[in-house]
Amino acid sequence: MKKLQGEEIKLLIPQRYPMMMVDEFESGEDDSATTTLSVRTDNMFCYGSGEMAPTGLIEHIAQSMSCLAGFKALEANVSEPPVGIIGEVKHFTCSRYPRANEKISTTVRFTMTFGNVTIAEGKSHIGEELIAEAKMKIFIE
């Protein structure tokens, strides 16, 4: 297992501030990984109240998936992180929005890849509490 954080995340995904929604990445077994994001009040997906919008959670889960694809590319000695585009979001559920100063931990897993299309699932927690989950179809260049 390998852990990346801070500036090292830029090796995995093309997003940059203010769109970067992953603080730490830890590889898992096979086609899985765990990421974290500390929610800050200046996050572009946060309301004035400090709560993160559902679109922010979807983006965080998608970037977590992108980190996994980037990690696999890094292991294969690809020089630039791949670009991923969300093709479809299915079965997104959110029991509550994360708030400023909370840390989201997200586990993602690739369930199938065919050509440049990857089907993946992600689950986000704050502590032990499951707050969101989704399945996505991602096109990876």
C-alpha atoms as a PDB file:
ATOM      1  CA  MET A   1       0.000   0.000   0.000  1.00  0.00           C
ATOM      2  CA  LYS A   2       1.144   3.501  -0.766  1.00  0.00           C
ATOM      3  CA  LYS A   3      -0.030   6.797   0.727  1.00  0.00           C
ATOM      4  CA  LEU A   4       0.142  10.163  -1.072  1.00  0.00           C
ATOM      5  CA  GLN A   5      -0.884  13.567   0.255  1.00  0.00           C
ATOM      6  CA  GLY A   6      -0.651  17.300  -0.411  1.00  0.00           C
ATOM      7  CA  GLU A   7       1.197  18.185  -3.607  1.00  0.00           C
ATOM      8  CA  GLU A   8       1.712  14.477  -4.395  1.00  0.00           C
ATOM      9  CA  ILE A   9      -2.017  14.209  -5.225  1.00  0.00           C
ATOM     10  CA  LYS A  10      -1.266  16.292  -8.330  1.00  0.00           C
ATOM     11  CA  LEU A  11       0.617  13.262  -9.682  1.00  0.00           C
ATOM     12  CA  LEU A  12      -2.703  11.375  -9.751  1.00  0.00           C
ATOM     13  CA  ILE A  13      -5.339  13.841 -10.963  1.00  0.00           C
ATOM     14  CA  PRO A  14      -5.376  16.831 -13.312  1.00  0.00           C
ATOM     15  CA  GLN A  15      -7.569  18.989 -11.025  1.00  0.00           C
ATOM     16  CA  ARG A  16      -5.958  21.932  -9.242  1.00  0.00           C
ATOM     17  CA  TYR A  17      -7.084  24.436  -6.621  1.00  0.00           C
ATOM     18  CA  PRO A  18      -9.919  25.405  -6.221  1.00  0.00           C
ATOM     19  CA  MET A  19     -11.328  22.247  -7.881  1.00  0.00           C
ATOM     20  CA  MET A  20      -9.075  19.705  -6.142  1.00  0.00           C
ATOM     21  CA  MET A  21     -11.295  17.660  -3.799  1.00  0.00           C
ATOM     22  CA  VAL A  22      -8.817  15.099  -2.399  1.00  0.00           C
ATOM     23  CA  ASP A  23      -6.250  15.708   0.359  1.00  0.00           C
ATOM     24  CA  GLU A  24      -4.882  12.178   0.859  1.00  0.00           C
ATOM     25  CA  PHE A  25      -4.825   8.956  -1.133  1.00  0.00           C
ATOM     26  CA  GLU A  26      -4.033   5.450   0.066  1.00  0.00           C
ATOM     27  CA  SER A  27      -3.917   2.543  -2.342  1.00  0.00           C
ATOM     28  CA  GLY A  28      -5.830  -0.552  -1.448  1.00  0.00           C
ATOM     29  CA  GLU A  29      -5.823  -4.062  -2.747  1.00  0.00           C
ATOM     30  CA  ASP A  30      -6.467  -4.665  -6.427  1.00  0.00           C
ATOM     31  CA  ASP A  31      -8.918  -2.057  -7.732  1.00  0.00           C
ATOM     32  CA  SER A  32      -9.698  -0.109  -4.552  1.00  0.00           C
ATOM     33  CA  ALA A  33      -8.402   2.904  -2.657  1.00  0.00           C
ATOM     34  CA  THR A  34      -9.296   5.267   0.165  1.00  0.00           C
ATOM     35  CA  THR A  35      -9.110   9.051   0.032  1.00  0.00           C
ATOM     36  CA  THR A  36      -9.797  11.849   2.486  1.00  0.00           C
ATOM     37  CA  LEU A  37     -10.941  15.437   2.232  1.00  0.00           C
ATOM     38  CA  SER A  38     -11.032  17.939   5.067  1.00  0.00           C
ATOM     39  CA  VAL A  39     -14.016  20.209   4.462  1.00  0.00           C
ATOM     40  CA  ARG A  40     -13.093  23.882   4.648  1.00  0.00           C
ATOM     41  CA  THR A  41     -15.367  26.910   4.571  1.00  0.00           C
ATOM     42  CA  ASP A  42     -13.621  28.207   1.435  1.00  0.00           C
ATOM     43  CA  ASN A  43     -14.450  25.022  -0.497  1.00  0.00           C
ATOM     44  CA  MET A  44     -16.290  26.088  -3.648  1.00  0.00           C
ATOM     45  CA  PHE A  45     -18.935  23.398  -3.044  1.00  0.00           C
ATOM     46  CA  CYS A  46     -19.832  24.661   0.442  1.00  0.00           C
ATOM     47  CA  TYR A  47     -22.849  26.802   1.182  1.00  0.00           C
ATOM     48  CA  GLY A  48     -22.441  29.909   3.335  1.00  0.00           C
ATOM     49  CA  SER A  49     -23.582  27.816   6.294  1.00  0.00           C
ATOM     50  CA  GLY A  50     -20.468  25.632   5.925  1.00  0.00           C
ATOM     51  CA  GLU A  51     -22.363  22.582   4.631  1.00  0.00           C
ATOM     52  CA  MET A  52     -21.133  20.907   1.468  1.00  0.00           C
ATOM     53  CA  ALA A  53     -23.609  20.641  -1.406  1.00  0.00           C
ATOM     54  CA  PRO A  54     -24.445  17.185  -2.786  1.00  0.00           C
ATOM     55  CA  THR A  55     -22.582  18.107  -5.980  1.00  0.00           C
ATOM     56  CA  GLY A  56     -19.450  18.498  -3.859  1.00  0.00           C
ATOM     57  CA  LEU A  57     -19.818  14.964  -2.543  1.00  0.00           C
ATOM     58  CA  ILE A  58     -20.318  13.636  -6.069  1.00  0.00           C
ATOM     59  CA  GLU A  59     -17.226  15.529  -7.250  1.00  0.00           C
ATOM     60  CA  HIS A  60     -15.189  14.246  -4.301  1.00  0.00           C
ATOM     61  CA  ILE A  61     -16.215  10.641  -5.012  1.00  0.00           C
ATOM     62  CA  ALA A  62     -15.441  11.096  -8.724  1.00  0.00           C
ATOM     63  CA  GLN A  63     -12.014  12.600  -7.974  1.00  0.00           C
ATOM     64  CA  SER A  64     -11.344   9.711  -5.591  1.00  0.00           C
ATOM     65  CA  MET A  65     -12.024   7.365  -8.504  1.00  0.00           C
ATOM     66  CA  SER A  66      -9.784   9.503 -10.684  1.00  0.00           C
ATOM     67  CA  CYS A  67      -7.023   9.221  -8.061  1.00  0.00           C
ATOM     68  CA  LEU A  68      -7.240   5.444  -8.283  1.00  0.00           C
ATOM     69  CA  ALA A  69      -6.984   5.598 -12.087  1.00  0.00           C
ATOM     70  CA  GLY A  70      -4.044   8.009 -11.736  1.00  0.00           C
ATOM     71  CA  PHE A  71      -2.322   5.717  -9.262  1.00  0.00           C
ATOM     72  CA  LYS A  72      -2.679   2.773 -11.636  1.00  0.00           C
ATOM     73  CA  ALA A  73      -1.249   4.954 -14.439  1.00  0.00           C
ATOM     74  CA  LEU A  74       1.641   6.051 -12.182  1.00  0.00           C
ATOM     75  CA  GLU A  75       2.429   2.399 -11.460  1.00  0.00           C
ATOM     76  CA  ALA A  76       2.479   1.819 -15.245  1.00  0.00           C
ATOM     77  CA  ASN A  77       4.985   4.723 -15.653  1.00  0.00           C
ATOM     78  CA  VAL A  78       2.578   7.051 -17.487  1.00  0.00           C
ATOM     79  CA  SER A  79       3.946  10.610 -17.240  1.00  0.00           C
ATOM     80  CA  GLU A  80       0.654  12.543 -16.952  1.00  0.00           C
ATOM     81  CA  PRO A  81      -2.423  11.686 -14.891  1.00  0.00           C
ATOM     82  CA  PRO A  82      -5.346  10.471 -17.011  1.00  0.00           C
ATOM     83  CA  VAL A  83      -8.344  12.721 -17.534  1.00  0.00           C
ATOM     84  CA  GLY A  84     -11.646  11.272 -16.393  1.00  0.00           C
ATOM     85  CA  ILE A  85     -15.107  12.485 -17.315  1.00  0.00           C
ATOM     86  CA  ILE A  86     -18.223  11.490 -15.392  1.00  0.00           C
ATOM     87  CA  GLY A  87     -20.519   9.744 -17.847  1.00  0.00           C
ATOM     88  CA  GLU A  88     -23.244   8.716 -15.439  1.00  0.00           C
ATOM     89  CA  VAL A  89     -24.058   8.839 -11.736  1.00  0.00           C
ATOM     90  CA  LYS A  90     -26.386   6.093 -10.462  1.00  0.00           C
ATOM     91  CA  HIS A  91     -27.797   5.274  -7.078  1.00  0.00           C
ATOM     92  CA  PHE A  92     -26.429   8.397  -5.359  1.00  0.00           C
ATOM     93  CA  THR A  93     -27.687   8.561  -1.798  1.00  0.00           C
ATOM     94  CA  CYS A  94     -26.773  11.112   0.821  1.00  0.00           C
ATOM     95  CA  SER A  95     -27.938  10.868   4.421  1.00  0.00           C
ATOM     96  CA  ARG A  96     -26.430  14.220   5.410  1.00  0.00           C
ATOM     97  CA  TYR A  97     -24.102  16.888   4.116  1.00  0.00           C
ATOM     98  CA  PRO A  98     -20.591  17.167   5.503  1.00  0.00           C
ATOM     99  CA  ARG A  99     -19.849  20.370   7.389  1.00  0.00           C
ATOM    100  CA  ALA A 100     -16.797  22.594   7.671  1.00  0.00           C
ATOM    101  CA  ASN A 101     -14.017  21.082   9.792  1.00  0.00           C
ATOM    102  CA  GLU A 102     -15.217  17.513   9.196  1.00  0.00           C
ATOM    103  CA  LYS A 103     -13.058  14.945   7.418  1.00  0.00           C
ATOM    104  CA  ILE A 104     -14.605  12.794   4.706  1.00  0.00           C
ATOM    105  CA  SER A 105     -13.107   9.348   4.147  1.00  0.00           C
ATOM    106  CA  THR A 106     -14.086   7.740   0.856  1.00  0.00           C
ATOM    107  CA  THR A 107     -13.444   4.220  -0.355  1.00  0.00           C
ATOM    108  CA  VAL A 108     -13.709   3.598  -4.083  1.00  0.00           C
ATOM    109  CA  ARG A 109     -13.594   0.401  -6.075  1.00  0.00           C
ATOM    110  CA  PHE A 110     -13.489  -0.281  -9.795  1.00  0.00           C
ATOM    111  CA  THR A 111     -15.994  -3.014 -10.557  1.00  0.00           C
ATOM    112  CA  MET A 112     -15.530  -3.280 -14.331  1.00  0.00           C
ATOM    113  CA  THR A 113     -13.437  -1.722 -17.087  1.00  0.00           C
ATOM    114  CA  PHE A 114     -14.110  -2.029 -20.794  1.00  0.00           C
ATOM    115  CA  GLY A 115     -11.883   0.021 -23.074  1.00  0.00           C
ATOM    116  CA  ASN A 116     -11.813   3.538 -21.654  1.00  0.00           C
ATOM    117  CA  VAL A 117     -15.047   3.120 -19.680  1.00  0.00           C
ATOM    118  CA  THR A 118     -14.838   2.206 -15.991  1.00  0.00           C
ATOM    119  CA  ILE A 119     -17.734   1.351 -13.716  1.00  0.00           C
ATOM    120  CA  ALA A 120     -16.960   2.240 -10.102  1.00  0.00           C
ATOM    121  CA  GLU A 121     -18.585   2.596  -6.724  1.00  0.00           C
ATOM    122  CA  GLY A 122     -17.750   4.844  -3.830  1.00  0.00           C
ATOM    123  CA  LYS A 123     -18.792   5.192  -0.194  1.00  0.00           C
ATOM    124  CA  SER A 124     -18.093   8.265   1.925  1.00  0.00           C
ATOM    125  CA  HIS A 125     -17.934   8.272   5.711  1.00  0.00           C
ATOM    126  CA  ILE A 126     -17.400  10.783   8.471  1.00  0.00           C
ATOM    127  CA  GLY A 127     -15.971   8.705  11.253  1.00  0.00           C
ATOM    128  CA  GLU A 128     -18.033   5.511  11.275  1.00  0.00           C
ATOM    129  CA  GLU A 129     -21.111   7.201   9.781  1.00  0.00           C
ATOM    130  CA  LEU A 130     -21.900   6.412   6.130  1.00  0.00           C
ATOM    131  CA  ILE A 131     -23.023   9.741   4.656  1.00  0.00           C
ATOM    132  CA  ALA A 132     -23.053   9.092   0.896  1.00  0.00           C
ATOM    133  CA  GLU A 133     -22.591   6.465  -1.761  1.00  0.00           C
ATOM    134  CA  ALA A 134     -22.775   6.324  -5.535  1.00  0.00           C
ATOM    135  CA  LYS A 135     -22.055   4.222  -8.577  1.00  0.00           C
ATOM    136  CA  MET A 136     -20.526   5.973 -11.561  1.00  0.00           C
ATOM    137  CA  LYS A 137     -19.573   5.343 -15.145  1.00  0.00           C
ATOM    138  CA  ILE A 138     -16.355   7.196 -15.912  1.00  0.00           C
ATOM    139  CA  PHE A 139     -14.659   7.718 -19.260  1.00  0.00           C
ATOM    140  CA  ILE A 140     -10.894   7.753 -18.755  1.00  0.00           C
ATOM    141  CA  GLU A 141      -8.551   9.148 -21.416  1.00  0.00           C
END
